[in-house]
Amino acid sequence: VLDSSFSNLTQVMYELANQYMRQVKVPKVLVNGAISVLRKSVQKKGNFDIRDVSPEDSSNKCFIPSLFAHADGDDFVLSHHSKVLYEKYCGDKNIITFGGDHNSPRPAFFFDSVGIFFHNVLIHN
């Protein structure tokens, strides 16, 4: 079950920055600089490159049954990320959307869908 999944970490970072740039006039060069500093910090401390964190690059090689879910009003990880992953995913898949935002309580039908998904995947296979 992939709830509010992202397709590319760097893209999420730029999307979040763009949201705040609209509220506070911040030059794009500062955003690029800040993301560059974050990238170098993660490379040093985590020993990986944030530019390599891109699930969409591997989703066409995944065959494990998956249920994608995303809130329509999610302004933290925009819903197009789940749609991109869903479209590229090669395994059995389903996608559901619902009202709310990234941190909203999930509606009952979300939990019903998750239960049905696990039942079908774990019991019937």
Foldseek 3Di string as FASTA:
>chain_A
DAELDAQAQVVLLVLVVVVVCVVPVDDVVVSVVVVVVVQVVCCVVVVDGSRPPGNLVCQLVDAQEEEYEYECAASNRHPVRSVSSQVNHDHHYYYDYHHDYSPDDDDPVVVVVVVVSCCCRPVVD
